[in-house]
Amino acid sequence: MIEGDGKMKIGLIRCLQTEDMCGTTLCLKAIKEHMGAFQDIQEEIELMNINTCGGCPGKKAITRAENMVKNGCDTIVLSSCITQGSPIGFPCPNKDRMPSVLRKRLRDDIRILTYSH
């Protein structure tokens, strides 16, 4: 974690294809109530940025994550719509590639969570 105020500062990346049917309600609830991917997080969580992957094939997710980190995020969350297919019933075909590319492009101290709720 980046040294600082003891908060987990997250950037949430969501699927563009689900944007019109999902208001991010479950992701926000998971963050607020420390559920799902956040259940073992002891520190306070600050949501700093929400953006989409940019649409298929999700290439903009990498640049957007880099910008989130540049602007202070220490954790990038690939939301459940990307990695688990919620609510449309199928995950992104690039769900396994995105975290590995992020890991290569971001600093080692940046956390990457591969789901939200």
Protein backbone atom coordinates (compact mmCIF):
# COMPACT_ATOMS: atom_id res chain seq x y z
CA MET A 1 0.00 0.00 0.00
CA ILE A 2 1.10 3.54 -0.65
CA GLU A 3 2.25 5.23 2.55
CA GLY A 4 -0.15 7.87 3.72
CA ASP A 5 -3.33 8.22 5.65
CA GLY A 6 -4.13 4.53 6.23
CA LYS A 7 -6.94 4.40 3.70
CA MET A 8 -7.32 2.01 0.80
CA LYS A 9 -7.82 4.34 -2.16
CA ILE A 10 -9.57 2.54 -4.96
CA GLY A 11 -10.28 3.02 -8.62
CA LEU A 12 -13.16 0.88 -9.85
CA ILE A 13 -13.22 -0.25 -13.48
CA ARG A 14 -16.53 -1.57 -14.74
CA CYS A 15 -17.82 -3.09 -17.96
CA LEU A 16 -19.07 -0.60 -20.53
CA GLN A 17 -21.58 -3.14 -21.85
CA THR A 18 -23.41 -3.30 -18.50
CA GLU A 19 -23.35 0.43 -17.82
CA ASP A 20 -26.96 1.04 -18.91
CA MET A 21 -28.39 -1.76 -16.74
CA CYS A 22 -26.24 -1.49 -13.62
CA GLY A 23 -26.00 1.57 -11.44
CA THR A 24 -22.94 0.17 -9.63
CA THR A 25 -25.18 -0.33 -6.58
CA LEU A 26 -23.75 -3.69 -5.48
CA CYS A 27 -20.15 -2.55 -5.99
CA LEU A 28 -20.75 0.56 -3.91
CA LYS A 29 -22.50 -1.48 -1.21
CA ALA A 30 -19.59 -3.95 -1.09
CA ILE A 31 -17.15 -1.06 -0.66
CA LYS A 32 -19.22 0.72 1.98
CA GLU A 33 -20.00 -2.39 4.02
CA HIS A 34 -16.65 -4.17 3.53
CA MET A 35 -18.29 -7.13 1.79
CA GLY A 36 -17.18 -9.32 -1.11
CA ALA A 37 -13.64 -8.49 -2.19
CA PHE A 38 -13.43 -5.97 0.65
CA GLN A 39 -14.42 -8.26 3.54
CA ASP A 40 -10.86 -8.65 4.85
CA ILE A 41 -9.85 -5.02 4.41
CA GLN A 42 -9.27 -3.48 7.81
CA GLU A 43 -8.51 0.06 6.76
CA GLU A 44 -11.02 2.68 5.68
CA ILE A 45 -11.86 2.51 1.96
CA GLU A 46 -12.04 5.63 -0.15
CA LEU A 47 -13.52 5.33 -3.62
CA MET A 48 -11.56 7.80 -5.70
CA ASN A 49 -12.57 6.97 -9.27
CA ILE A 50 -15.07 4.95 -11.28
CA ASN A 51 -14.63 4.40 -14.99
CA THR A 52 -15.42 1.80 -17.62
CA CYS A 53 -13.10 -0.50 -19.50
CA GLY A 54 -13.86 1.58 -22.59
CA GLY A 55 -15.75 -1.21 -24.33
CA CYS A 56 -14.66 -4.44 -25.94
CA PRO A 57 -11.95 -5.63 -25.92
CA GLY A 58 -11.28 -3.58 -22.75
CA LYS A 59 -7.96 -2.08 -23.84
CA LYS A 60 -8.75 1.30 -22.27
CA ALA A 61 -8.91 -0.34 -18.85
CA ILE A 62 -5.11 -0.38 -18.71
CA THR A 63 -4.64 3.31 -19.51
CA ARG A 64 -7.49 4.25 -17.20
CA ALA A 65 -5.96 2.21 -14.36
CA GLU A 66 -2.61 3.92 -14.93
CA ASN A 67 -4.35 7.30 -14.68
CA MET A 68 -6.14 6.22 -11.51
CA VAL A 69 -2.81 5.33 -9.93
CA LYS A 70 -1.30 8.61 -11.15
CA ASN A 71 -4.16 10.38 -9.35
CA GLY A 72 -3.61 8.60 -6.04
CA CYS A 73 -5.33 5.22 -6.19
CA ASP A 74 -3.41 2.38 -4.54
CA THR A 75 -5.90 -0.33 -5.51
CA ILE A 76 -7.53 -1.10 -8.85
CA VAL A 77 -10.75 -3.11 -8.74
CA LEU A 78 -12.01 -4.93 -11.82
CA SER A 79 -15.68 -5.08 -10.97
CA SER A 80 -17.77 -8.23 -10.94
CA CYS A 81 -19.42 -7.31 -14.24
CA ILE A 82 -16.03 -7.76 -15.92
CA THR A 83 -14.76 -10.83 -14.12
CA GLN A 84 -17.92 -12.68 -13.11
CA GLY A 85 -20.39 -11.56 -15.76
CA SER A 86 -22.88 -9.98 -13.42
CA PRO A 87 -25.58 -8.87 -14.38
CA ILE A 88 -25.51 -9.94 -18.07
CA GLY A 89 -24.66 -13.58 -17.45
CA PHE A 90 -21.20 -13.86 -18.99
CA PRO A 91 -17.82 -12.42 -18.03
CA CYS A 92 -15.55 -10.41 -20.27
CA PRO A 93 -13.57 -12.66 -22.62
CA ASN A 94 -10.47 -10.71 -21.52
CA LYS A 95 -11.09 -11.11 -17.78
CA ASP A 96 -7.96 -13.22 -17.28
CA ARG A 97 -5.72 -11.05 -19.41
CA MET A 98 -6.61 -7.69 -17.83
CA PRO A 99 -5.14 -8.43 -14.37
CA SER A 100 -1.92 -9.83 -15.82
CA VAL A 101 -1.43 -6.79 -18.07
CA LEU A 102 -2.23 -4.47 -15.15
CA ARG A 103 0.32 -6.29 -13.01
CA LYS A 104 2.99 -5.70 -15.68
CA ARG A 105 2.12 -2.04 -16.20
CA LEU A 106 1.48 -0.84 -12.65
CA ARG A 107 3.88 -0.45 -9.75
CA ASP A 108 4.41 -3.50 -7.54
CA ASP A 109 2.75 -1.84 -4.53
CA ILE A 110 -0.58 -1.39 -6.36
CA ARG A 111 -3.24 -3.91 -5.34
CA ILE A 112 -5.43 -5.43 -8.01
CA LEU A 113 -8.75 -6.93 -6.96
CA THR A 114 -10.43 -9.14 -9.55
CA TYR A 115 -14.01 -8.76 -8.38
CA SER A 116 -16.09 -6.47 -6.22
CA HIS A 117 -19.12 -8.32 -4.86
